[in-house]
Amino acid sequence: GYYCTSGAKYLANDDGIAGATGGRCDAGNFCPTGSSAQTTCTAGKYCSEDYLSTASFDCIERYYCSGGTNKERPTSDATNKGNICPVGHYCPAGASAPQKCPAGKYQPTTGAAANSECLACPPGS
């Protein structure tokens, strides 16, 4: 997708870089038809390509996508707007944030995809 500001005469220069009047939609964003600006990729989705017109890719299981995510497997909240699911949590497909393991359960490793991967606390703990 592309976006066009008010009075746009062109979308982008020959190498695809956004001009003052509009440009291509960059990774981490999407631009539906008729956009006047880029829209941040929806939480729970990732936008890993330029030129997207929709936020069409669900965040994959074992990861969360907090909004503006620009990679299928994000590794940094600051850079990629998402990350692998942390210990003590699980992240199903389409997760916008890690889900805590329920009371009485724990998860000692990163990258859990489902509540069923949370382990029961041993007796006496």
PDB file of N, CA and C in Angstrom:
ATOM      1  N   GLY A   1       0.804  -1.187   0.000  1.00  0.00           N
ATOM      2  CA  GLY A   1       0.000   0.000   0.000  1.00  0.00           C
ATOM      3  C   GLY A   1       0.850   1.254   0.000  1.00  0.00           C
ATOM      4  N   TYR A   2       0.178   2.315  -0.325  1.00  0.00           N
ATOM      5  CA  TYR A   2       0.768   3.648  -0.343  1.00  0.00           C
ATOM      6  C   TYR A   2      -0.093   4.592   0.469  1.00  0.00           C
ATOM      7  N   TYR A   3       0.470   5.743   0.816  1.00  0.00           N
ATOM      8  CA  TYR A   3      -0.306   6.816   1.425  1.00  0.00           C
ATOM      9  C   TYR A   3      -0.044   8.099   0.648  1.00  0.00           C
ATOM     10  N   CYS A   4      -0.995   9.000   0.666  1.00  0.00           N
ATOM     11  CA  CYS A   4      -0.874  10.277  -0.037  1.00  0.00           C
ATOM     12  C   CYS A   4      -1.330  11.395   0.888  1.00  0.00           C
ATOM     13  N   THR A   5      -0.483  12.396   1.081  1.00  0.00           N
ATOM     14  CA  THR A   5      -0.866  13.552   1.877  1.00  0.00           C
ATOM     15  C   THR A   5      -1.685  14.506   1.020  1.00  0.00           C
ATOM     16  N   SER A   6      -2.244  15.518   1.614  1.00  0.00           N
ATOM     17  CA  SER A   6      -3.053  16.501   0.892  1.00  0.00           C
ATOM     18  C   SER A   6      -2.224  17.163  -0.210  1.00  0.00           C
ATOM     19  N   GLY A   7      -2.759  17.220  -1.398  1.00  0.00           N
ATOM     20  CA  GLY A   7      -2.082  17.846  -2.528  1.00  0.00           C
ATOM     21  C   GLY A   7      -1.012  16.989  -3.171  1.00  0.00           C
ATOM     22  N   ALA A   8      -1.024  15.690  -2.944  1.00  0.00           N
ATOM     23  CA  ALA A   8       0.010  14.799  -3.474  1.00  0.00           C
ATOM     24  C   ALA A   8       0.030  14.827  -4.996  1.00  0.00           C
ATOM     25  N   LYS A   9       1.240  14.884  -5.551  1.00  0.00           N
ATOM     26  CA  LYS A   9       1.431  14.834  -7.002  1.00  0.00           C
ATOM     27  C   LYS A   9       2.073  13.521  -7.425  1.00  0.00           C
ATOM     28  N   TYR A  10       2.702  12.844  -6.497  1.00  0.00           N
ATOM     29  CA  TYR A  10       3.354  11.570  -6.785  1.00  0.00           C
ATOM     30  C   TYR A  10       3.407  10.748  -5.505  1.00  0.00           C
ATOM     31  N   LEU A  11       3.653   9.441  -5.640  1.00  0.00           N
ATOM     32  CA  LEU A  11       3.704   8.553  -4.479  1.00  0.00           C
ATOM     33  C   LEU A  11       5.091   8.476  -3.868  1.00  0.00           C
ATOM     34  N   ALA A  12       6.082   8.248  -4.702  1.00  0.00           N
ATOM     35  CA  ALA A  12       7.444   8.078  -4.218  1.00  0.00           C
ATOM     36  C   ALA A  12       8.389   8.292  -5.383  1.00  0.00           C
ATOM     37  N   ASN A  13       9.665   8.560  -5.075  1.00  0.00           N
ATOM     38  CA  ASN A  13      10.618   8.693  -6.168  1.00  0.00           C
ATOM     39  C   ASN A  13      10.948   7.316  -6.730  1.00  0.00           C
ATOM     40  N   ASP A  14      11.803   7.260  -7.723  1.00  0.00           N
ATOM     41  CA  ASP A  14      12.046   6.011  -8.444  1.00  0.00           C
ATOM     42  C   ASP A  14      12.571   4.867  -7.575  1.00  0.00           C
ATOM     43  N   ASP A  15      13.258   5.177  -6.469  1.00  0.00           N
ATOM     44  CA  ASP A  15      13.768   4.088  -5.629  1.00  0.00           C
ATOM     45  C   ASP A  15      12.804   3.714  -4.504  1.00  0.00           C
ATOM     46  N   GLY A  16      11.577   4.254  -4.541  1.00  0.00           N
ATOM     47  CA  GLY A  16      10.545   3.858  -3.587  1.00  0.00           C
ATOM     48  C   GLY A  16      10.563   4.605  -2.271  1.00  0.00           C
ATOM     49  N   ILE A  17      11.454   5.582  -2.117  1.00  0.00           N
ATOM     50  CA  ILE A  17      11.528   6.323  -0.858  1.00  0.00           C
ATOM     51  C   ILE A  17      10.417   7.366  -0.810  1.00  0.00           C
ATOM     52  N   ALA A  18       9.771   7.469   0.335  1.00  0.00           N
ATOM     53  CA  ALA A  18       8.642   8.381   0.488  1.00  0.00           C
ATOM     54  C   ALA A  18       9.054   9.817   0.195  1.00  0.00           C
ATOM     55  N   GLY A  19       8.215  10.511  -0.546  1.00  0.00           N
ATOM     56  CA  GLY A  19       8.419  11.922  -0.813  1.00  0.00           C
ATOM     57  C   GLY A  19       7.606  12.758   0.156  1.00  0.00           C
ATOM     58  N   ALA A  20       7.664  14.066   0.015  1.00  0.00           N
ATOM     59  CA  ALA A  20       6.941  14.964   0.908  1.00  0.00           C
ATOM     60  C   ALA A  20       5.436  14.857   0.724  1.00  0.00           C
ATOM     61  N   THR A  21       5.005  14.291  -0.384  1.00  0.00           N
ATOM     62  CA  THR A  21       3.569  14.236  -0.654  1.00  0.00           C
ATOM     63  C   THR A  21       2.989  12.832  -0.573  1.00  0.00           C
ATOM     64  N   GLY A  22       3.788  11.870  -0.215  1.00  0.00           N
ATOM     65  CA  GLY A  22       3.279  10.509  -0.095  1.00  0.00           C
ATOM     66  C   GLY A  22       4.389   9.505  -0.263  1.00  0.00           C
ATOM     67  N   GLY A  23       4.047   8.247  -0.117  1.00  0.00           N
ATOM     68  CA  GLY A  23       5.067   7.225  -0.279  1.00  0.00           C
ATOM     69  C   GLY A  23       4.553   5.835   0.004  1.00  0.00           C
ATOM     70  N   ARG A  24       5.490   4.912  -0.015  1.00  0.00           N
ATOM     71  CA  ARG A  24       5.146   3.513   0.240  1.00  0.00           C
ATOM     72  C   ARG A  24       4.936   3.306   1.738  1.00  0.00           C
ATOM     73  N   CYS A  25       4.168   2.327   2.055  1.00  0.00           N
ATOM     74  CA  CYS A  25       3.956   1.933   3.438  1.00  0.00           C
ATOM     75  C   CYS A  25       5.136   1.055   3.853  1.00  0.00           C
ATOM     76  N   ASP A  26       5.767   1.384   4.963  1.00  0.00           N
ATOM     77  CA  ASP A  26       6.948   0.662   5.426  1.00  0.00           C
ATOM     78  C   ASP A  26       6.589  -0.504   6.343  1.00  0.00           C
ATOM     79  N   ALA A  27       7.503  -1.466   6.476  1.00  0.00           N
ATOM     80  CA  ALA A  27       7.326  -2.582   7.411  1.00  0.00           C
ATOM     81  C   ALA A  27       7.015  -2.031   8.799  1.00  0.00           C
ATOM     82  N   GLY A  28       6.101  -2.707   9.500  1.00  0.00           N
ATOM     83  CA  GLY A  28       5.642  -2.240  10.801  1.00  0.00           C
ATOM     84  C   GLY A  28       4.373  -1.408  10.705  1.00  0.00           C
ATOM     85  N   ASN A  29       3.948  -1.145   9.455  1.00  0.00           N
ATOM     86  CA  ASN A  29       2.760  -0.336   9.177  1.00  0.00           C
ATOM     87  C   ASN A  29       1.968  -0.956   8.038  1.00  0.00           C
ATOM     88  N   PHE A  30       0.756  -0.438   7.814  1.00  0.00           N
ATOM     89  CA  PHE A  30      -0.026  -0.798   6.635  1.00  0.00           C
ATOM     90  C   PHE A  30      -0.787   0.436   6.176  1.00  0.00           C
ATOM     91  N   CYS A  31      -1.198   0.433   4.909  1.00  0.00           N
ATOM     92  CA  CYS A  31      -1.877   1.582   4.315  1.00  0.00           C
ATOM     93  C   CYS A  31      -3.046   1.110   3.458  1.00  0.00           C
ATOM     94  N   PRO A  32      -4.272   1.136   3.998  1.00  0.00           N
ATOM     95  CA  PRO A  32      -5.434   0.795   3.177  1.00  0.00           C
ATOM     96  C   PRO A  32      -5.597   1.802   2.041  1.00  0.00           C
ATOM     97  N   THR A  33      -6.338   1.440   1.026  1.00  0.00           N
ATOM     98  CA  THR A  33      -6.612   2.352  -0.082  1.00  0.00           C
ATOM     99  C   THR A  33      -7.160   3.665   0.459  1.00  0.00           C
ATOM    100  N   GLY A  34      -6.641   4.778  -0.043  1.00  0.00           N
ATOM    101  CA  GLY A  34      -7.105   6.098   0.370  1.00  0.00           C
ATOM    102  C   GLY A  34      -6.436   6.631   1.620  1.00  0.00           C
ATOM    103  N   SER A  35      -5.333   6.025   2.052  1.00  0.00           N
ATOM    104  CA  SER A  35      -4.655   6.461   3.279  1.00  0.00           C
ATOM    105  C   SER A  35      -3.946   7.790   3.089  1.00  0.00           C
ATOM    106  N   SER A  36      -4.020   8.638   4.119  1.00  0.00           N
ATOM    107  CA  SER A  36      -3.271   9.892   4.109  1.00  0.00           C
ATOM    108  C   SER A  36      -2.007   9.780   4.961  1.00  0.00           C
ATOM    109  N   ALA A  37      -1.853   8.664   5.672  1.00  0.00           N
ATOM    110  CA  ALA A  37      -0.674   8.402   6.496  1.00  0.00           C
ATOM    111  C   ALA A  37      -0.575   6.891   6.725  1.00  0.00           C
ATOM    112  N   GLN A  38       0.586   6.451   7.164  1.00  0.00           N
ATOM    113  CA  GLN A  38       0.756   5.040   7.502  1.00  0.00           C
ATOM    114  C   GLN A  38       0.000   4.727   8.797  1.00  0.00           C
ATOM    115  N   THR A  39      -0.549   3.526   8.890  1.00  0.00           N
ATOM    116  CA  THR A  39      -1.229   3.059  10.096  1.00  0.00           C
ATOM    117  C   THR A  39      -0.336   2.019  10.764  1.00  0.00           C
ATOM    118  N   THR A  40      -0.087   2.189  12.059  1.00  0.00           N
ATOM    119  CA  THR A  40       0.740   1.246  12.812  1.00  0.00           C
ATOM    120  C   THR A  40       0.108  -0.143  12.775  1.00  0.00           C
ATOM    121  N   CYS A  41       0.924  -1.146  12.534  1.00  0.00           N
ATOM    122  CA  CYS A  41       0.434  -2.524  12.492  1.00  0.00           C
ATOM    123  C   CYS A  41      -0.312  -2.853  13.783  1.00  0.00           C
ATOM    124  N   THR A  42      -1.436  -3.503  13.649  1.00  0.00           N
ATOM    125  CA  THR A  42      -2.335  -3.830  14.746  1.00  0.00           C
ATOM    126  C   THR A  42      -1.673  -4.766  15.757  1.00  0.00           C
ATOM    127  N   ALA A  43      -1.920  -4.547  17.054  1.00  0.00           N
ATOM    128  CA  ALA A  43      -1.418  -5.450  18.094  1.00  0.00           C
ATOM    129  C   ALA A  43      -1.942  -6.860  17.824  1.00  0.00           C
ATOM    130  N   GLY A  44      -1.073  -7.861  17.992  1.00  0.00           N
ATOM    131  CA  GLY A  44      -1.438  -9.248  17.704  1.00  0.00           C
ATOM    132  C   GLY A  44      -1.158  -9.652  16.266  1.00  0.00           C
ATOM    133  N   LYS A  45      -0.680  -8.708  15.457  1.00  0.00           N
ATOM    134  CA  LYS A  45      -0.336  -8.959  14.052  1.00  0.00           C
ATOM    135  C   LYS A  45       1.095  -8.485  13.812  1.00  0.00           C
ATOM    136  N   TYR A  46       1.677  -8.911  12.701  1.00  0.00           N
ATOM    137  CA  TYR A  46       2.968  -8.363  12.300  1.00  0.00           C
ATOM    138  C   TYR A  46       2.894  -7.933  10.845  1.00  0.00           C
ATOM    139  N   CYS A  47       3.647  -6.895  10.518  1.00  0.00           N
ATOM    140  CA  CYS A  47       3.702  -6.334   9.164  1.00  0.00           C
ATOM    141  C   CYS A  47       5.170  -6.314   8.760  1.00  0.00           C
ATOM    142  N   SER A  48       5.659  -7.428   8.224  1.00  0.00           N
ATOM    143  CA  SER A  48       7.088  -7.594   7.955  1.00  0.00           C
ATOM    144  C   SER A  48       7.512  -7.124   6.570  1.00  0.00           C
ATOM    145  N   GLU A  49       6.575  -6.659   5.774  1.00  0.00           N
ATOM    146  CA  GLU A  49       6.881  -6.260   4.401  1.00  0.00           C
ATOM    147  C   GLU A  49       6.484  -4.807   4.165  1.00  0.00           C
ATOM    148  N   ASP A  50       7.135  -4.181   3.199  1.00  0.00           N
ATOM    149  CA  ASP A  50       6.701  -2.873   2.717  1.00  0.00           C
ATOM    150  C   ASP A  50       5.465  -3.071   1.835  1.00  0.00           C
ATOM    151  N   TYR A  51       4.730  -2.008   1.609  1.00  0.00           N
ATOM    152  CA  TYR A  51       3.598  -1.962   0.666  1.00  0.00           C
ATOM    153  C   TYR A  51       2.352  -2.727   1.119  1.00  0.00           C
ATOM    154  N   LEU A  52       2.209  -3.071   2.397  1.00  0.00           N
ATOM    155  CA  LEU A  52       1.012  -3.799   2.834  1.00  0.00           C
ATOM    156  C   LEU A  52      -0.202  -2.874   2.880  1.00  0.00           C
ATOM    157  N   SER A  53      -1.341  -3.397   2.454  1.00  0.00           N
ATOM    158  CA  SER A  53      -2.586  -2.627   2.531  1.00  0.00           C
ATOM    159  C   SER A  53      -3.441  -3.064   3.720  1.00  0.00           C
ATOM    160  N   THR A  54      -3.099  -4.193   4.361  1.00  0.00           N
ATOM    161  CA  THR A  54      -3.784  -4.656   5.571  1.00  0.00           C
ATOM    162  C   THR A  54      -2.756  -5.274   6.519  1.00  0.00           C
ATOM    163  N   ALA A  55      -3.114  -5.332   7.796  1.00  0.00           N
ATOM    164  CA  ALA A  55      -2.294  -6.037   8.789  1.00  0.00           C
ATOM    165  C   ALA A  55      -2.784  -7.478   8.797  1.00  0.00           C
ATOM    166  N   SER A  56      -2.321  -8.262   7.835  1.00  0.00           N
ATOM    167  CA  SER A  56      -2.947  -9.555   7.559  1.00  0.00           C
ATOM    168  C   SER A  56      -2.262 -10.766   8.181  1.00  0.00           C
ATOM    169  N   PHE A  57      -1.119 -10.586   8.835  1.00  0.00           N
ATOM    170  CA  PHE A  57      -0.390 -11.734   9.385  1.00  0.00           C
ATOM    171  C   PHE A  57      -0.559 -11.794  10.902  1.00  0.00           C
ATOM    172  N   ASP A  58      -1.185 -12.880  11.417  1.00  0.00           N
ATOM    173  CA  ASP A  58      -1.285 -13.062  12.869  1.00  0.00           C
ATOM    174  C   ASP A  58       0.096 -13.318  13.448  1.00  0.00           C
ATOM    175  N   CYS A  59       0.354 -12.744  14.605  1.00  0.00           N
ATOM    176  CA  CYS A  59       1.590 -13.030  15.322  1.00  0.00           C
ATOM    177  C   CYS A  59       1.663 -14.550  15.529  1.00  0.00           C
ATOM    178  N   ILE A  60       2.820 -15.141  15.285  1.00  0.00           N
ATOM    179  CA  ILE A  60       2.918 -16.596  15.387  1.00  0.00           C
ATOM    180  C   ILE A  60       2.995 -17.029  16.854  1.00  0.00           C
ATOM    181  N   GLU A  61       2.537 -18.249  17.118  1.00  0.00           N
ATOM    182  CA  GLU A  61       2.575 -18.750  18.494  1.00  0.00           C
ATOM    183  C   GLU A  61       4.007 -18.745  19.008  1.00  0.00           C
ATOM    184  N   ARG A  62       4.129 -18.595  20.308  1.00  0.00           N
ATOM    185  CA  ARG A  62       5.389 -18.515  21.044  1.00  0.00           C
ATOM    186  C   ARG A  62       5.979 -17.106  21.065  1.00  0.00           C
ATOM    187  N   TYR A  63       5.321 -16.161  20.354  1.00  0.00           N
ATOM    188  CA  TYR A  63       5.744 -14.760  20.312  1.00  0.00           C
ATOM    189  C   TYR A  63       4.539 -13.874  20.584  1.00  0.00           C
ATOM    190  N   TYR A  64       4.798 -12.629  20.964  1.00  0.00           N
ATOM    191  CA  TYR A  64       3.723 -11.643  21.055  1.00  0.00           C
ATOM    192  C   TYR A  64       4.101 -10.426  20.219  1.00  0.00           C
ATOM    193  N   CYS A  65       3.106  -9.759  19.681  1.00  0.00           N
ATOM    194  CA  CYS A  65       3.280  -8.586  18.828  1.00  0.00           C
ATOM    195  C   CYS A  65       2.466  -7.451  19.441  1.00  0.00           C
ATOM    196  N   SER A  66       3.153  -6.447  19.979  1.00  0.00           N
ATOM    197  CA  SER A  66       2.478  -5.423  20.769  1.00  0.00           C
ATOM    198  C   SER A  66       1.926  -4.255  19.959  1.00  0.00           C
ATOM    199  N   GLY A  67       2.115  -4.246  18.663  1.00  0.00           N
ATOM    200  CA  GLY A  67       1.618  -3.168  17.800  1.00  0.00           C
ATOM    201  C   GLY A  67       2.788  -2.475  17.123  1.00  0.00           C
ATOM    202  N   GLY A  68       2.770  -2.413  15.798  1.00  0.00           N
ATOM    203  CA  GLY A  68       3.897  -1.873  15.048  1.00  0.00           C
ATOM    204  C   GLY A  68       4.979  -2.909  14.806  1.00  0.00           C
ATOM    205  N   THR A  69       4.668  -4.182  15.042  1.00  0.00           N
ATOM    206  CA  THR A  69       5.648  -5.260  14.902  1.00  0.00           C
ATOM    207  C   THR A  69       6.054  -5.422  13.437  1.00  0.00           C
ATOM    208  N   ASN A  70       7.377  -5.490  13.203  1.00  0.00           N
ATOM    209  CA  ASN A  70       7.886  -5.537  11.836  1.00  0.00           C
ATOM    210  C   ASN A  70       8.603  -6.837  11.485  1.00  0.00           C
ATOM    211  N   LYS A  71       8.509  -7.857  12.335  1.00  0.00           N
ATOM    212  CA  LYS A  71       9.131  -9.157  12.059  1.00  0.00           C
ATOM    213  C   LYS A  71       8.189 -10.286  12.443  1.00  0.00           C
ATOM    214  N   GLU A  72       8.309 -11.400  11.721  1.00  0.00           N
ATOM    215  CA  GLU A  72       7.511 -12.582  12.039  1.00  0.00           C
ATOM    216  C   GLU A  72       7.883 -13.128  13.418  1.00  0.00           C
ATOM    217  N   ARG A  73       9.169 -13.095  13.732  1.00  0.00           N
ATOM    218  CA  ARG A  73       9.665 -13.562  15.030  1.00  0.00           C
ATOM    219  C   ARG A  73      10.406 -12.401  15.697  1.00  0.00           C
ATOM    220  N   PRO A  74       9.663 -11.494  16.331  1.00  0.00           N
ATOM    221  CA  PRO A  74      10.316 -10.322  16.931  1.00  0.00           C
ATOM    222  C   PRO A  74      11.242 -10.720  18.082  1.00  0.00           C
ATOM    223  N   THR A  75      12.328  -9.968  18.246  1.00  0.00           N
ATOM    224  CA  THR A  75      13.309 -10.282  19.286  1.00  0.00           C
ATOM    225  C   THR A  75      13.614  -9.103  20.200  1.00  0.00           C
ATOM    226  N   SER A  76      12.932  -7.986  20.012  1.00  0.00           N
ATOM    227  CA  SER A  76      13.208  -6.801  20.821  1.00  0.00           C
ATOM    228  C   SER A  76      11.962  -5.934  20.920  1.00  0.00           C
ATOM    229  N   ASP A  77      11.520  -5.653  22.145  1.00  0.00           N
ATOM    230  CA  ASP A  77      10.377  -4.763  22.319  1.00  0.00           C
ATOM    231  C   ASP A  77      10.670  -3.382  21.736  1.00  0.00           C
ATOM    232  N   ALA A  78      11.888  -2.890  21.924  1.00  0.00           N
ATOM    233  CA  ALA A  78      12.240  -1.552  21.462  1.00  0.00           C
ATOM    234  C   ALA A  78      12.339  -1.472  19.940  1.00  0.00           C
ATOM    235  N   THR A  79      12.960  -2.454  19.317  1.00  0.00           N
ATOM    236  CA  THR A  79      13.199  -2.417  17.874  1.00  0.00           C
ATOM    237  C   THR A  79      12.068  -3.029  17.062  1.00  0.00           C
ATOM    238  N   ASN A  80      11.578  -4.185  17.464  1.00  0.00           N
ATOM    239  CA  ASN A  80      10.592  -4.930  16.671  1.00  0.00           C
ATOM    240  C   ASN A  80       9.174  -4.860  17.213  1.00  0.00           C
ATOM    241  N   LYS A  81       8.976  -4.248  18.370  1.00  0.00           N
ATOM    242  CA  LYS A  81       7.642  -4.111  18.989  1.00  0.00           C
ATOM    243  C   LYS A  81       7.013  -5.467  19.304  1.00  0.00           C
ATOM    244  N   GLY A  82       7.803  -6.365  19.861  1.00  0.00           N
ATOM    245  CA  GLY A  82       7.351  -7.694  20.243  1.00  0.00           C
ATOM    246  C   GLY A  82       8.546  -8.511  20.682  1.00  0.00           C
ATOM    247  N   ASN A  83       8.302  -9.760  21.074  1.00  0.00           N
ATOM    248  CA  ASN A  83       9.407 -10.582  21.547  1.00  0.00           C
ATOM    249  C   ASN A  83       8.940 -12.023  21.702  1.00  0.00           C
ATOM    250  N   ILE A  84       9.893 -12.914  22.027  1.00  0.00           N
ATOM    251  CA  ILE A  84       9.533 -14.290  22.350  1.00  0.00           C
ATOM    252  C   ILE A  84       8.825 -14.278  23.708  1.00  0.00           C
ATOM    253  N   CYS A  85       7.927 -15.191  23.909  1.00  0.00           N
ATOM    254  CA  CYS A  85       7.164 -15.253  25.153  1.00  0.00           C
ATOM    255  C   CYS A  85       8.126 -15.493  26.326  1.00  0.00           C
ATOM    256  N   PRO A  86       8.034 -14.693  27.398  1.00  0.00           N
ATOM    257  CA  PRO A  86       8.966 -14.834  28.516  1.00  0.00           C
ATOM    258  C   PRO A  86       8.609 -15.992  29.452  1.00  0.00           C
ATOM    259  N   VAL A  87       9.532 -16.337  30.336  1.00  0.00           N
ATOM    260  CA  VAL A  87       9.269 -17.372  31.339  1.00  0.00           C
ATOM    261  C   VAL A  87       8.054 -16.972  32.174  1.00  0.00           C
ATOM    262  N   GLY A  88       7.293 -17.981  32.620  1.00  0.00           N
ATOM    263  CA  GLY A  88       6.109 -17.723  33.432  1.00  0.00           C
ATOM    264  C   GLY A  88       4.878 -17.346  32.628  1.00  0.00           C
ATOM    265  N   HIS A  89       4.994 -17.380  31.300  1.00  0.00           N
ATOM    266  CA  HIS A  89       3.917 -16.948  30.407  1.00  0.00           C
ATOM    267  C   HIS A  89       3.772 -17.903  29.227  1.00  0.00           C
ATOM    268  N   TYR A  90       2.697 -17.725  28.468  1.00  0.00           N
ATOM    269  CA  TYR A  90       2.501 -18.429  27.199  1.00  0.00           C
ATOM    270  C   TYR A  90       1.905 -17.446  26.200  1.00  0.00           C
ATOM    271  N   CYS A  91       2.135 -17.706  24.912  1.00  0.00           N
ATOM    272  CA  CYS A  91       1.688 -16.808  23.850  1.00  0.00           C
ATOM    273  C   CYS A  91       1.092 -17.623  22.701  1.00  0.00           C
ATOM    274  N   PRO A  92      -0.241 -17.695  22.613  1.00  0.00           N
ATOM    275  CA  PRO A  92      -0.867 -18.369  21.470  1.00  0.00           C
ATOM    276  C   PRO A  92      -0.739 -17.502  20.213  1.00  0.00           C
ATOM    277  N   ALA A  93      -1.051 -18.053  19.059  1.00  0.00           N
ATOM    278  CA  ALA A  93      -1.041 -17.274  17.810  1.00  0.00           C
ATOM    279  C   ALA A  93      -1.941 -16.059  17.977  1.00  0.00           C
ATOM    280  N   GLY A  94      -1.491 -14.912  17.473  1.00  0.00           N
ATOM    281  CA  GLY A  94      -2.276 -13.683  17.544  1.00  0.00           C
ATOM    282  C   GLY A  94      -2.164 -12.945  18.869  1.00  0.00           C
ATOM    283  N   ALA A  95      -1.192 -13.320  19.717  1.00  0.00           N
ATOM    284  CA  ALA A  95      -1.047 -12.677  21.031  1.00  0.00           C
ATOM    285  C   ALA A  95      -0.517 -11.253  20.890  1.00  0.00           C
ATOM    286  N   SER A  96      -1.153 -10.322  21.602  1.00  0.00           N
ATOM    287  CA  SER A  96      -0.673  -8.942  21.639  1.00  0.00           C
ATOM    288  C   SER A  96       0.165  -8.688  22.892  1.00  0.00           C
ATOM    289  N   ALA A  97       0.103  -9.612  23.850  1.00  0.00           N
ATOM    290  CA  ALA A  97       0.888  -9.538  25.083  1.00  0.00           C
ATOM    291  C   ALA A  97       1.008 -10.955  25.644  1.00  0.00           C
ATOM    292  N   PRO A  98       2.051 -11.230  26.427  1.00  0.00           N
ATOM    293  CA  PRO A  98       2.177 -12.548  27.049  1.00  0.00           C
ATOM    294  C   PRO A  98       1.037 -12.791  28.038  1.00  0.00           C
ATOM    295  N   GLN A  99       0.569 -14.021  28.119  1.00  0.00           N
ATOM    296  CA  GLN A  99      -0.468 -14.420  29.078  1.00  0.00           C
ATOM    297  C   GLN A  99       0.216 -15.132  30.245  1.00  0.00           C
ATOM    298  N   LYS A 100      -0.114 -14.738  31.478  1.00  0.00           N
ATOM    299  CA  LYS A 100       0.500 -15.364  32.655  1.00  0.00           C
ATOM    300  C   LYS A 100      -0.004 -16.795  32.823  1.00  0.00           C
ATOM    301  N   CYS A 101       0.909 -17.692  33.230  1.00  0.00           N
ATOM    302  CA  CYS A 101       0.475 -19.033  33.621  1.00  0.00           C
ATOM    303  C   CYS A 101      -0.450 -18.878  34.828  1.00  0.00           C
ATOM    304  N   PRO A 102      -1.493 -19.706  34.926  1.00  0.00           N
ATOM    305  CA  PRO A 102      -2.433 -19.571  36.045  1.00  0.00           C
ATOM    306  C   PRO A 102      -1.792 -19.928  37.390  1.00  0.00           C
ATOM    307  N   ALA A 103      -2.448 -19.505  38.463  1.00  0.00           N
ATOM    308  CA  ALA A 103      -1.981 -19.824  39.817  1.00  0.00           C
ATOM    309  C   ALA A 103      -1.825 -21.335  39.953  1.00  0.00           C
ATOM    310  N   GLY A 104      -0.754 -21.754  40.614  1.00  0.00           N
ATOM    311  CA  GLY A 104      -0.490 -23.178  40.799  1.00  0.00           C
ATOM    312  C   GLY A 104       0.307 -23.795  39.671  1.00  0.00           C
ATOM    313  N   LYS A 105       0.675 -22.975  38.676  1.00  0.00           N
ATOM    314  CA  LYS A 105       1.463 -23.475  37.542  1.00  0.00           C
ATOM    315  C   LYS A 105       2.638 -22.539  37.292  1.00  0.00           C
ATOM    316  N   TYR A 106       3.649 -23.046  36.598  1.00  0.00           N
ATOM    317  CA  TYR A 106       4.819 -22.240  36.263  1.00  0.00           C
ATOM    318  C   TYR A 106       5.338 -22.648  34.888  1.00  0.00           C
ATOM    319  N   GLN A 107       6.183 -21.817  34.308  1.00  0.00           N
ATOM    320  CA  GLN A 107       6.799 -22.098  33.008  1.00  0.00           C
ATOM    321  C   GLN A 107       8.243 -21.611  33.095  1.00  0.00           C
ATOM    322  N   PRO A 108       9.220 -22.541  33.187  1.00  0.00           N
ATOM    323  CA  PRO A 108      10.610 -22.157  33.400  1.00  0.00           C
ATOM    324  C   PRO A 108      11.378 -21.748  32.136  1.00  0.00           C
ATOM    325  N   THR A 109      10.777 -21.900  30.965  1.00  0.00           N
ATOM    326  CA  THR A 109      11.491 -21.583  29.725  1.00  0.00           C
ATOM    327  C   THR A 109      10.740 -20.521  28.921  1.00  0.00           C
ATOM    328  N   THR A 110      11.433 -19.905  27.997  1.00  0.00           N
ATOM    329  CA  THR A 110      10.798 -18.938  27.097  1.00  0.00           C
ATOM    330  C   THR A 110      10.128 -19.683  25.943  1.00  0.00           C
ATOM    331  N   GLY A 111       9.188 -19.036  25.293  1.00  0.00           N
ATOM    332  CA  GLY A 111       8.608 -19.565  24.069  1.00  0.00           C
ATOM    333  C   GLY A 111       7.466 -20.544  24.228  1.00  0.00           C
ATOM    334  N   ALA A 112       6.758 -20.523  25.341  1.00  0.00           N
ATOM    335  CA  ALA A 112       5.589 -21.403  25.487  1.00  0.00           C
ATOM    336  C   ALA A 112       4.448 -20.872  24.620  1.00  0.00           C
ATOM    337  N   ALA A 113       3.697 -21.775  24.006  1.00  0.00           N
ATOM    338  CA  ALA A 113       2.615 -21.390  23.096  1.00  0.00           C
ATOM    339  C   ALA A 113       1.227 -21.507  23.709  1.00  0.00           C
ATOM    340  N   ALA A 114       1.069 -22.339  24.743  1.00  0.00           N
ATOM    341  CA  ALA A 114      -0.274 -22.609  25.260  1.00  0.00           C
ATOM    342  C   ALA A 114      -0.264 -22.800  26.773  1.00  0.00           C
ATOM    343  N   ASN A 115      -1.410 -22.566  27.386  1.00  0.00           N
ATOM    344  CA  ASN A 115      -1.606 -22.778  28.815  1.00  0.00           C
ATOM    345  C   ASN A 115      -1.203 -24.200  29.205  1.00  0.00           C
ATOM    346  N   SER A 116      -1.429 -25.149  28.318  1.00  0.00           N
ATOM    347  CA  SER A 116      -1.098 -26.550  28.605  1.00  0.00           C
ATOM    348  C   SER A 116       0.408 -26.772  28.779  1.00  0.00           C
ATOM    349  N   GLU A 117       1.226 -25.821  28.355  1.00  0.00           N
ATOM    350  CA  GLU A 117       2.677 -25.925  28.530  1.00  0.00           C
ATOM    351  C   GLU A 117       3.132 -25.416  29.897  1.00  0.00           C
ATOM    352  N   CYS A 118       2.227 -24.786  30.647  1.00  0.00           N
ATOM    353  CA  CYS A 118       2.538 -24.376  32.018  1.00  0.00           C
ATOM    354  C   CYS A 118       2.501 -25.631  32.889  1.00  0.00           C
ATOM    355  N   LEU A 119       3.483 -25.791  33.745  1.00  0.00           N
ATOM    356  CA  LEU A 119       3.645 -27.000  34.550  1.00  0.00           C
ATOM    357  C   LEU A 119       3.034 -26.819  35.937  1.00  0.00           C
ATOM    358  N   ALA A 120       2.463 -27.886  36.478  1.00  0.00           N
ATOM    359  CA  ALA A 120       1.898 -27.844  37.829  1.00  0.00           C
ATOM    360  C   ALA A 120       3.020 -27.708  38.852  1.00  0.00           C
ATOM    361  N   CYS A 121       2.821 -26.832  39.829  1.00  0.00           N
ATOM    362  CA  CYS A 121       3.800 -26.697  40.903  1.00  0.00           C
ATOM    363  C   CYS A 121       3.827 -27.993  41.706  1.00  0.00           C
ATOM    364  N   PRO A 122       5.011 -28.461  42.086  1.00  0.00           N
ATOM    365  CA  PRO A 122       5.092 -29.711  42.840  1.00  0.00           C
ATOM    366  C   PRO A 122       4.523 -29.543  44.252  1.00  0.00           C
ATOM    367  N   PRO A 123       4.093 -30.645  44.871  1.00  0.00           N
ATOM    368  CA  PRO A 123       3.562 -30.577  46.234  1.00  0.00           C
ATOM    369  C   PRO A 123       4.594 -29.980  47.194  1.00  0.00           C
ATOM    370  N   GLY A 124       4.104 -29.186  48.126  1.00  0.00           N
ATOM    371  CA  GLY A 124       4.971 -28.596  49.142  1.00  0.00           C
ATOM    372  C   GLY A 124       5.752 -27.387  48.672  1.00  0.00           C
ATOM    373  N   SER A 125       5.474 -26.896  47.467  1.00  0.00           N
ATOM    374  CA  SER A 125       6.239 -25.737  46.987  1.00  0.00           C
ATOM    375  C   SER A 125       5.487 -24.448  47.208  1.00  0.00           C
TER     376      SER A 125
END
